[in-house]
Amino acid sequence: MEGLASSSVLDLARKLNQDKRFSPSTLLERLSTEEARLVTGVASETEAHALDASECARIVRRLRLERERGAVQRELDRLQQRPDTGGELESLLMRKMGLIREIEALR
């Protein structure tokens, strides 16, 4: 759960559950204003963002590929400032196109 915006909320919910004191109101009482806003925002959504675990995995994979595509683009931008890029530029362009295809397949 490290790195998740909701990790502190999930940790508290797990601790309350282990102590047999979990309830939605107890959880909200112990959260910071920011955390409570996050929880109530998610709770008020009328439709789930993902329907099952495979849908979640597909979304996580797509997001990872989009971050990688951004890193490749930054490297392309950096290389275009240099006069001699050798085969690096072509290799990165091919990688970027491959990432774009993979991302589109996951949409």
N, C-alpha and C. Protein backbone atom coordinates (compact mmCIF):
# COMPACT_ATOMS: atom_id res chain seq x y z
N MET A 1 0.81 -1.20 0.00
CA MET A 1 0.00 0.00 0.00
C MET A 1 0.86 1.26 0.00
N GLU A 2 2.18 1.07 0.12
CA GLU A 2 3.06 2.23 0.13
C GLU A 2 2.90 3.01 -1.16
N GLY A 3 2.88 4.33 -1.03
CA GLY A 3 2.78 5.18 -2.20
C GLY A 3 1.36 5.55 -2.58
N LEU A 4 0.38 4.86 -2.04
CA LEU A 4 -1.01 5.19 -2.34
C LEU A 4 -1.44 6.41 -1.55
N ALA A 5 -2.24 7.25 -2.18
CA ALA A 5 -2.76 8.43 -1.49
C ALA A 5 -3.63 8.02 -0.30
N SER A 6 -4.19 6.84 -0.38
CA SER A 6 -5.10 6.37 0.67
C SER A 6 -4.43 5.46 1.69
N SER A 7 -3.10 5.32 1.65
CA SER A 7 -2.44 4.34 2.52
C SER A 7 -2.69 4.61 4.01
N SER A 8 -2.68 5.87 4.43
CA SER A 8 -2.91 6.16 5.85
C SER A 8 -4.35 5.81 6.25
N VAL A 9 -5.29 6.02 5.35
CA VAL A 9 -6.68 5.67 5.61
C VAL A 9 -6.83 4.16 5.74
N LEU A 10 -6.22 3.43 4.82
CA LEU A 10 -6.30 1.98 4.84
C LEU A 10 -5.61 1.40 6.08
N ASP A 11 -4.49 1.98 6.47
CA ASP A 11 -3.80 1.53 7.69
C ASP A 11 -4.68 1.72 8.92
N LEU A 12 -5.31 2.88 9.02
CA LEU A 12 -6.19 3.15 10.16
C LEU A 12 -7.38 2.20 10.16
N ALA A 13 -7.99 1.99 9.01
CA ALA A 13 -9.13 1.07 8.91
C ALA A 13 -8.73 -0.34 9.33
N ARG A 14 -7.56 -0.78 8.90
CA ARG A 14 -7.08 -2.11 9.29
C ARG A 14 -6.85 -2.19 10.80
N LYS A 15 -6.25 -1.15 11.37
CA LYS A 15 -5.99 -1.14 12.82
C LYS A 15 -7.31 -1.16 13.61
N LEU A 16 -8.26 -0.35 13.18
CA LEU A 16 -9.57 -0.34 13.86
C LEU A 16 -10.25 -1.71 13.75
N ASN A 17 -10.13 -2.33 12.61
CA ASN A 17 -10.74 -3.65 12.41
C ASN A 17 -10.07 -4.69 13.31
N GLN A 18 -8.75 -4.63 13.43
CA GLN A 18 -8.03 -5.57 14.30
C GLN A 18 -8.42 -5.38 15.76
N ASP A 19 -8.67 -4.12 16.15
CA ASP A 19 -9.06 -3.81 17.53
C ASP A 19 -10.57 -4.00 17.77
N LYS A 20 -11.27 -4.48 16.75
CA LYS A 20 -12.73 -4.72 16.81
C LYS A 20 -13.51 -3.42 17.10
N ARG A 21 -12.96 -2.28 16.67
CA ARG A 21 -13.64 -1.01 16.89
C ARG A 21 -13.99 -0.31 15.58
N PHE A 22 -13.97 -1.05 14.48
CA PHE A 22 -14.22 -0.39 13.20
C PHE A 22 -15.69 -0.06 13.02
N SER A 23 -15.93 1.15 12.59
CA SER A 23 -17.23 1.58 12.07
C SER A 23 -16.92 2.78 11.18
N PRO A 24 -17.75 3.04 10.20
CA PRO A 24 -17.49 4.19 9.32
C PRO A 24 -17.37 5.51 10.10
N SER A 25 -18.22 5.70 11.10
CA SER A 25 -18.15 6.96 11.85
C SER A 25 -16.86 7.06 12.67
N THR A 26 -16.42 5.95 13.27
CA THR A 26 -15.16 5.97 14.03
C THR A 26 -13.99 6.27 13.10
N LEU A 27 -14.01 5.66 11.92
CA LEU A 27 -12.95 5.91 10.95
C LEU A 27 -12.91 7.40 10.59
N LEU A 28 -14.05 7.96 10.23
CA LEU A 28 -14.10 9.38 9.84
C LEU A 28 -13.66 10.31 10.96
N GLU A 29 -14.00 9.97 12.19
CA GLU A 29 -13.61 10.81 13.33
C GLU A 29 -12.10 10.89 13.50
N ARG A 30 -11.42 9.81 13.15
CA ARG A 30 -9.97 9.74 13.38
C ARG A 30 -9.14 10.22 12.19
N LEU A 31 -9.78 10.54 11.09
CA LEU A 31 -9.07 10.98 9.90
C LEU A 31 -8.82 12.48 9.93
N SER A 32 -7.77 12.89 9.23
CA SER A 32 -7.53 14.33 9.05
C SER A 32 -8.61 14.86 8.10
N THR A 33 -8.71 16.15 8.01
CA THR A 33 -9.70 16.76 7.11
C THR A 33 -9.48 16.31 5.68
N GLU A 34 -8.23 16.29 5.25
CA GLU A 34 -7.89 15.87 3.88
C GLU A 34 -8.27 14.41 3.65
N GLU A 35 -7.94 13.55 4.60
CA GLU A 35 -8.27 12.13 4.48
C GLU A 35 -9.78 11.91 4.48
N ALA A 36 -10.49 12.62 5.34
CA ALA A 36 -11.96 12.49 5.39
C ALA A 36 -12.57 12.94 4.07
N ARG A 37 -12.02 13.99 3.49
CA ARG A 37 -12.51 14.47 2.19
C ARG A 37 -12.31 13.40 1.12
N LEU A 38 -11.16 12.74 1.15
CA LEU A 38 -10.89 11.67 0.20
C LEU A 38 -11.89 10.53 0.35
N VAL A 39 -12.11 10.10 1.59
CA VAL A 39 -13.01 8.98 1.86
C VAL A 39 -14.45 9.33 1.48
N THR A 40 -14.93 10.49 1.88
CA THR A 40 -16.31 10.85 1.56
C THR A 40 -16.50 11.07 0.06
N GLY A 41 -15.45 11.55 -0.61
CA GLY A 41 -15.53 11.71 -2.06
C GLY A 41 -15.68 10.38 -2.77
N VAL A 42 -14.89 9.41 -2.35
CA VAL A 42 -14.97 8.07 -2.94
C VAL A 42 -16.31 7.42 -2.61
N ALA A 43 -16.75 7.58 -1.37
CA ALA A 43 -18.01 6.97 -0.94
C ALA A 43 -19.21 7.55 -1.66
N SER A 44 -19.12 8.80 -2.10
CA SER A 44 -20.27 9.44 -2.74
C SER A 44 -20.36 9.15 -4.23
N GLU A 45 -19.35 8.50 -4.80
CA GLU A 45 -19.39 8.18 -6.23
C GLU A 45 -20.49 7.16 -6.48
N THR A 46 -21.21 7.37 -7.56
CA THR A 46 -22.35 6.50 -7.86
C THR A 46 -21.97 5.26 -8.65
N GLU A 47 -20.78 5.28 -9.24
CA GLU A 47 -20.37 4.15 -10.07
C GLU A 47 -18.94 3.77 -9.73
N ALA A 48 -18.68 2.49 -9.65
CA ALA A 48 -17.32 2.01 -9.36
C ALA A 48 -16.40 2.30 -10.53
N HIS A 49 -15.14 2.61 -10.24
CA HIS A 49 -14.18 2.86 -11.32
C HIS A 49 -13.75 1.57 -11.99
N ALA A 50 -13.78 0.50 -11.27
CA ALA A 50 -13.41 -0.81 -11.81
C ALA A 50 -14.39 -1.84 -11.29
N LEU A 51 -14.69 -2.80 -12.14
CA LEU A 51 -15.69 -3.79 -11.77
C LEU A 51 -15.09 -5.04 -11.12
N ASP A 52 -13.83 -5.34 -11.42
CA ASP A 52 -13.22 -6.54 -10.84
C ASP A 52 -11.70 -6.39 -10.80
N ALA A 53 -11.05 -7.39 -10.27
CA ALA A 53 -9.59 -7.34 -10.11
C ALA A 53 -8.88 -7.24 -11.46
N SER A 54 -9.36 -7.94 -12.47
CA SER A 54 -8.69 -7.89 -13.78
C SER A 54 -8.81 -6.50 -14.38
N GLU A 55 -9.93 -5.84 -14.16
CA GLU A 55 -10.11 -4.45 -14.61
C GLU A 55 -9.12 -3.53 -13.90
N CYS A 56 -8.95 -3.71 -12.60
CA CYS A 56 -7.98 -2.92 -11.83
C CYS A 56 -6.57 -3.15 -12.35
N ALA A 57 -6.22 -4.40 -12.61
CA ALA A 57 -4.87 -4.72 -13.11
C ALA A 57 -4.64 -4.07 -14.47
N ARG A 58 -5.66 -4.08 -15.32
CA ARG A 58 -5.55 -3.45 -16.65
C ARG A 58 -5.31 -1.95 -16.51
N ILE A 59 -6.02 -1.31 -15.60
CA ILE A 59 -5.88 0.13 -15.38
C ILE A 59 -4.49 0.45 -14.83
N VAL A 60 -4.03 -0.33 -13.86
CA VAL A 60 -2.69 -0.11 -13.29
C VAL A 60 -1.62 -0.27 -14.36
N ARG A 61 -1.75 -1.29 -15.19
CA ARG A 61 -0.78 -1.51 -16.28
C ARG A 61 -0.79 -0.34 -17.26
N ARG A 62 -1.99 0.13 -17.63
CA ARG A 62 -2.09 1.25 -18.56
C ARG A 62 -1.43 2.50 -17.98
N LEU A 63 -1.67 2.77 -16.72
CA LEU A 63 -1.06 3.94 -16.08
C LEU A 63 0.46 3.84 -16.04
N ARG A 64 0.98 2.64 -15.76
CA ARG A 64 2.42 2.44 -15.76
C ARG A 64 3.00 2.69 -17.15
N LEU A 65 2.32 2.18 -18.17
CA LEU A 65 2.78 2.39 -19.54
C LEU A 65 2.74 3.87 -19.93
N GLU A 66 1.71 4.58 -19.45
CA GLU A 66 1.62 6.01 -19.75
C GLU A 66 2.76 6.78 -19.08
N ARG A 67 3.14 6.39 -17.86
CA ARG A 67 4.29 7.03 -17.21
C ARG A 67 5.57 6.73 -17.98
N GLU A 68 5.70 5.49 -18.42
CA GLU A 68 6.89 5.13 -19.19
C GLU A 68 6.94 5.89 -20.51
N ARG A 69 5.80 6.05 -21.15
CA ARG A 69 5.75 6.83 -22.40
C ARG A 69 6.20 8.27 -22.14
N GLY A 70 5.78 8.84 -21.01
CA GLY A 70 6.21 10.19 -20.65
C GLY A 70 7.71 10.28 -20.45
N ALA A 71 8.29 9.26 -19.82
CA ALA A 71 9.74 9.23 -19.62
C ALA A 71 10.47 9.12 -20.95
N VAL A 72 9.95 8.30 -21.85
CA VAL A 72 10.55 8.17 -23.17
C VAL A 72 10.46 9.49 -23.92
N GLN A 73 9.33 10.17 -23.82
CA GLN A 73 9.18 11.46 -24.50
C GLN A 73 10.16 12.49 -23.95
N ARG A 74 10.36 12.51 -22.65
CA ARG A 74 11.33 13.44 -22.06
C ARG A 74 12.74 13.14 -22.57
N GLU A 75 13.06 11.86 -22.69
CA GLU A 75 14.37 11.48 -23.21
C GLU A 75 14.50 11.88 -24.68
N LEU A 76 13.42 11.71 -25.46
CA LEU A 76 13.43 12.14 -26.86
C LEU A 76 13.68 13.65 -26.95
N ASP A 77 12.98 14.39 -26.12
CA ASP A 77 13.16 15.85 -26.11
C ASP A 77 14.60 16.22 -25.79
N ARG A 78 15.19 15.52 -24.84
CA ARG A 78 16.58 15.79 -24.45
C ARG A 78 17.53 15.46 -25.59
N LEU A 79 17.32 14.31 -26.24
CA LEU A 79 18.20 13.89 -27.33
C LEU A 79 18.12 14.83 -28.53
N GLN A 80 16.95 15.39 -28.77
CA GLN A 80 16.78 16.28 -29.93
C GLN A 80 17.59 17.57 -29.78
N GLN A 81 18.05 17.87 -28.58
CA GLN A 81 18.88 19.04 -28.35
C GLN A 81 20.35 18.78 -28.70
N ARG A 82 20.70 17.50 -28.86
CA ARG A 82 22.09 17.13 -29.15
C ARG A 82 22.28 16.94 -30.66
N PRO A 83 23.45 17.31 -31.17
CA PRO A 83 23.69 17.16 -32.61
C PRO A 83 23.88 15.70 -33.05
N ASP A 84 24.52 14.88 -32.24
CA ASP A 84 24.82 13.50 -32.62
C ASP A 84 24.11 12.55 -31.65
N THR A 85 23.02 11.94 -32.12
CA THR A 85 22.27 11.05 -31.24
C THR A 85 22.46 9.58 -31.60
N GLY A 86 23.16 9.32 -32.69
CA GLY A 86 23.37 7.93 -33.10
C GLY A 86 22.03 7.24 -33.34
N GLY A 87 21.94 6.01 -32.93
CA GLY A 87 20.70 5.26 -33.12
C GLY A 87 19.74 5.40 -31.95
N GLU A 88 20.13 6.18 -30.96
CA GLU A 88 19.29 6.33 -29.76
C GLU A 88 17.92 6.90 -30.09
N LEU A 89 17.91 7.92 -30.95
CA LEU A 89 16.66 8.59 -31.28
C LEU A 89 15.69 7.63 -31.95
N GLU A 90 16.18 6.88 -32.93
CA GLU A 90 15.32 5.92 -33.63
C GLU A 90 14.82 4.84 -32.69
N SER A 91 15.69 4.36 -31.83
CA SER A 91 15.30 3.33 -30.87
C SER A 91 14.21 3.83 -29.92
N LEU A 92 14.37 5.05 -29.45
CA LEU A 92 13.36 5.63 -28.54
C LEU A 92 12.04 5.87 -29.26
N LEU A 93 12.11 6.31 -30.52
CA LEU A 93 10.87 6.51 -31.29
C LEU A 93 10.12 5.19 -31.47
N MET A 94 10.85 4.12 -31.71
CA MET A 94 10.23 2.80 -31.85
C MET A 94 9.61 2.37 -30.51
N ARG A 95 10.32 2.62 -29.42
CA ARG A 95 9.79 2.27 -28.09
C ARG A 95 8.52 3.05 -27.81
N LYS A 96 8.53 4.34 -28.15
CA LYS A 96 7.35 5.18 -27.92
C LYS A 96 6.15 4.65 -28.72
N MET A 97 6.36 4.29 -29.97
CA MET A 97 5.26 3.76 -30.79
C MET A 97 4.73 2.45 -30.20
N GLY A 98 5.64 1.60 -29.72
CA GLY A 98 5.21 0.35 -29.09
C GLY A 98 4.38 0.60 -27.84
N LEU A 99 4.80 1.57 -27.04
CA LEU A 99 4.05 1.94 -25.82
C LEU A 99 2.68 2.47 -26.18
N ILE A 100 2.61 3.31 -27.20
CA ILE A 100 1.31 3.86 -27.63
C ILE A 100 0.37 2.74 -28.04
N ARG A 101 0.87 1.76 -28.79
CA ARG A 101 0.02 0.62 -29.20
C ARG A 101 -0.45 -0.17 -27.98
N GLU A 102 0.46 -0.42 -27.03
CA GLU A 102 0.08 -1.17 -25.82
C GLU A 102 -0.98 -0.42 -25.01
N ILE A 103 -0.80 0.89 -24.89
CA ILE A 103 -1.75 1.72 -24.13
C ILE A 103 -3.12 1.67 -24.78
N GLU A 104 -3.15 1.84 -26.11
CA GLU A 104 -4.43 1.82 -26.82
C GLU A 104 -5.13 0.47 -26.70
N ALA A 105 -4.36 -0.61 -26.68
CA ALA A 105 -4.95 -1.94 -26.53
C ALA A 105 -5.59 -2.12 -25.16
N LEU A 106 -5.13 -1.36 -24.16
CA LEU A 106 -5.67 -1.49 -22.80
C LEU A 106 -6.83 -0.54 -22.54
N ARG A 107 -7.18 0.29 -23.48
CA ARG A 107 -8.31 1.23 -23.28
C ARG A 107 -9.63 0.55 -23.51
